[in-house]
Amino acid sequence: MTEAITVGSATTGTETILLVEDNTAVRAFARRVLEAQGYTILEAASGAAALTLAASRIGSLDMLVTDVVMPGMQGHQLADRLWADRPDMPVLYISGFTESSVMSDGISRREVAFLPKPFTAEALGRAVRDAIDRPRGAARLGS
């Protein structure tokens, strides 16, 4: 993917984001986009690697951006584990599957952000910023 990355002021930030995606090209693209927008990115290729990274993290972890369908641990399982220590952490699910099929697969009980693949740099930046800026009480409902 060689999309030109433009940074709009409405989508910039300084937060630390845990990016979890098993597809190397998608993960690299998302990392480039989000770093260009000012975010600090911690990346993992699997849920297990993400849990290890999160456990070793000394500073803040402000958001999770995760693929929904991954080998070993699904995105919603990862989010549930991370929410145990970070109950207000916003989550953005990314997936090549439709939102309706994803939401019926174990994550409909929570209000979360969703971004379908493929996505543009602009769409990713906007979805991340919107999820971070959402009032914390609205980040997760019904848990």
Protein backbone atom coordinates (compact mmCIF):
# COMPACT_ATOMS: atom_id res chain seq x y z
CA MET A 1 0.00 0.00 0.00
CA THR A 2 1.53 3.29 -1.04
CA GLU A 3 -1.14 5.83 -0.26
CA ALA A 4 0.03 9.37 0.39
CA ILE A 5 -0.53 10.13 4.05
CA THR A 6 -1.94 13.55 4.81
CA VAL A 7 -2.51 14.75 8.33
CA GLY A 8 -5.55 16.86 9.09
CA SER A 9 -5.57 18.80 12.34
CA ALA A 10 -8.86 17.20 13.37
CA THR A 11 -7.28 13.73 13.32
CA THR A 12 -3.99 14.35 15.11
CA GLY A 13 -3.18 13.21 18.60
CA THR A 14 -0.51 12.36 21.13
CA GLU A 15 -2.04 9.23 22.65
CA THR A 16 -0.42 5.78 22.77
CA ILE A 17 -2.24 3.17 20.69
CA LEU A 18 -1.84 -0.59 20.77
CA LEU A 19 -2.24 -1.74 17.15
CA VAL A 20 -2.95 -5.45 16.69
CA GLU A 21 -3.21 -6.85 13.17
CA ASP A 22 -1.98 -10.17 11.83
CA ASN A 23 -1.62 -8.91 8.24
CA THR A 24 1.84 -7.33 7.98
CA ALA A 25 0.93 -4.94 5.14
CA VAL A 26 -2.22 -3.64 6.86
CA ARG A 27 -0.38 -3.27 10.17
CA ALA A 28 2.50 -1.36 8.54
CA PHE A 29 0.09 0.95 6.70
CA ALA A 30 -1.93 1.68 9.86
CA ARG A 31 1.25 2.32 11.82
CA ARG A 32 2.56 4.80 9.23
CA VAL A 33 -0.77 6.61 9.13
CA LEU A 34 -1.15 6.90 12.87
CA GLU A 35 2.47 7.85 13.53
CA ALA A 36 2.19 10.57 10.87
CA GLN A 37 -0.77 11.90 12.85
CA GLY A 38 1.29 12.15 16.04
CA TYR A 39 0.28 8.97 17.88
CA THR A 40 2.76 6.64 19.58
CA ILE A 41 2.18 3.15 18.22
CA LEU A 42 2.88 -0.17 19.91
CA GLU A 43 2.28 -2.96 17.45
CA ALA A 44 1.65 -6.67 17.71
CA ALA A 45 0.84 -9.37 15.17
CA SER A 46 -1.32 -11.42 17.54
CA GLY A 47 -3.48 -11.17 20.62
CA ALA A 48 -0.94 -13.07 22.73
CA ALA A 49 1.87 -10.72 21.66
CA ALA A 50 -0.38 -7.73 22.40
CA LEU A 51 -1.08 -8.97 25.94
CA THR A 52 2.65 -9.40 26.57
CA LEU A 53 3.35 -5.93 25.21
CA ALA A 54 0.56 -4.36 27.28
CA ALA A 55 1.73 -6.11 30.46
CA SER A 56 5.26 -4.77 29.99
CA ARG A 57 4.07 -1.23 29.22
CA ILE A 58 5.13 1.25 31.91
CA GLY A 59 3.35 4.32 30.50
CA SER A 60 -0.21 4.86 29.44
CA LEU A 61 -2.04 2.77 26.89
CA ASP A 62 -4.79 5.00 25.57
CA MET A 63 -6.48 2.92 22.88
CA LEU A 64 -6.67 -0.48 21.23
CA VAL A 65 -7.00 -0.80 17.46
CA THR A 66 -7.42 -4.47 16.63
CA ASP A 67 -8.38 -6.76 13.82
CA VAL A 68 -11.46 -8.78 14.72
CA VAL A 69 -10.49 -12.13 13.22
CA MET A 70 -6.97 -13.34 14.03
CA PRO A 71 -5.37 -16.72 14.62
CA GLY A 72 -5.29 -17.79 18.27
CA MET A 73 -7.19 -14.95 19.92
CA GLN A 74 -10.00 -12.93 18.38
CA GLY A 75 -10.05 -9.15 18.71
CA HIS A 76 -13.01 -9.13 21.12
CA GLN A 77 -11.24 -11.63 23.38
CA LEU A 78 -8.17 -9.40 23.43
CA ALA A 79 -10.29 -6.33 24.23
CA ASP A 80 -12.02 -8.17 27.09
CA ARG A 81 -8.64 -9.11 28.60
CA LEU A 82 -7.28 -5.58 28.30
CA TRP A 83 -10.47 -4.01 29.68
CA ALA A 84 -9.89 -5.92 32.93
CA ASP A 85 -7.07 -3.46 33.78
CA ARG A 86 -8.16 -0.55 31.57
CA PRO A 87 -11.98 -0.44 31.70
CA ASP A 88 -12.27 2.94 29.96
CA MET A 89 -9.87 2.22 27.10
CA PRO A 90 -11.54 2.87 23.73
CA VAL A 91 -11.40 0.12 21.13
CA LEU A 92 -11.58 0.37 17.36
CA TYR A 93 -12.24 -2.92 15.60
CA ILE A 94 -11.04 -3.24 12.02
CA SER A 95 -12.20 -6.06 9.79
CA GLY A 96 -12.70 -7.24 6.25
CA PHE A 97 -15.99 -8.73 7.37
CA THR A 98 -19.17 -6.68 7.48
CA GLU A 99 -20.04 -4.83 10.66
CA SER A 100 -23.25 -6.81 11.12
CA SER A 101 -21.45 -10.17 10.97
CA VAL A 102 -18.72 -8.93 13.31
CA MET A 103 -21.14 -7.50 15.84
CA SER A 104 -23.07 -10.75 16.00
CA ASP A 105 -19.87 -12.64 16.83
CA GLY A 106 -19.51 -12.00 20.55
CA ILE A 107 -19.00 -8.24 20.67
CA SER A 108 -22.50 -6.85 20.31
CA ARG A 109 -22.79 -6.37 24.09
CA ARG A 110 -20.41 -3.40 23.99
CA GLU A 111 -20.58 -0.12 22.17
CA VAL A 112 -17.40 -0.05 20.10
CA ALA A 113 -16.07 1.68 17.04
CA PHE A 114 -15.80 -0.28 13.79
CA LEU A 115 -13.87 0.43 10.60
CA PRO A 116 -14.22 -1.87 7.58
CA LYS A 117 -11.20 -2.91 5.52
CA PRO A 118 -9.90 -1.71 3.22
CA PHE A 119 -9.71 1.78 4.71
CA THR A 120 -8.03 5.01 3.73
CA ALA A 121 -5.58 6.98 5.84
CA GLU A 122 -8.24 9.64 6.36
CA ALA A 123 -10.87 7.13 7.46
CA LEU A 124 -8.49 5.48 9.93
CA GLY A 125 -7.40 8.79 11.41
CA ARG A 126 -10.98 9.98 11.79
CA ALA A 127 -12.15 6.68 13.36
CA VAL A 128 -9.31 6.69 15.89
CA ARG A 129 -9.84 10.31 16.87
CA ASP A 130 -13.62 9.83 17.16
CA ALA A 131 -13.18 6.77 19.39
CA ILE A 132 -10.69 8.56 21.66
CA ASP A 133 -12.84 11.68 21.91
CA ARG A 134 -16.06 9.80 22.67
CA PRO A 135 -17.09 10.43 26.28
CA ARG A 136 -15.62 7.66 28.43
CA GLY A 137 -18.98 6.50 29.72
CA ALA A 138 -20.01 5.81 26.11
CA ALA A 139 -16.89 3.84 25.21
CA ARG A 140 -18.37 0.61 26.62
CA LEU A 141 -21.95 -0.04 27.56
CA GLY A 142 -23.67 -3.03 29.08
CA SER A 143 -20.65 -4.85 30.46
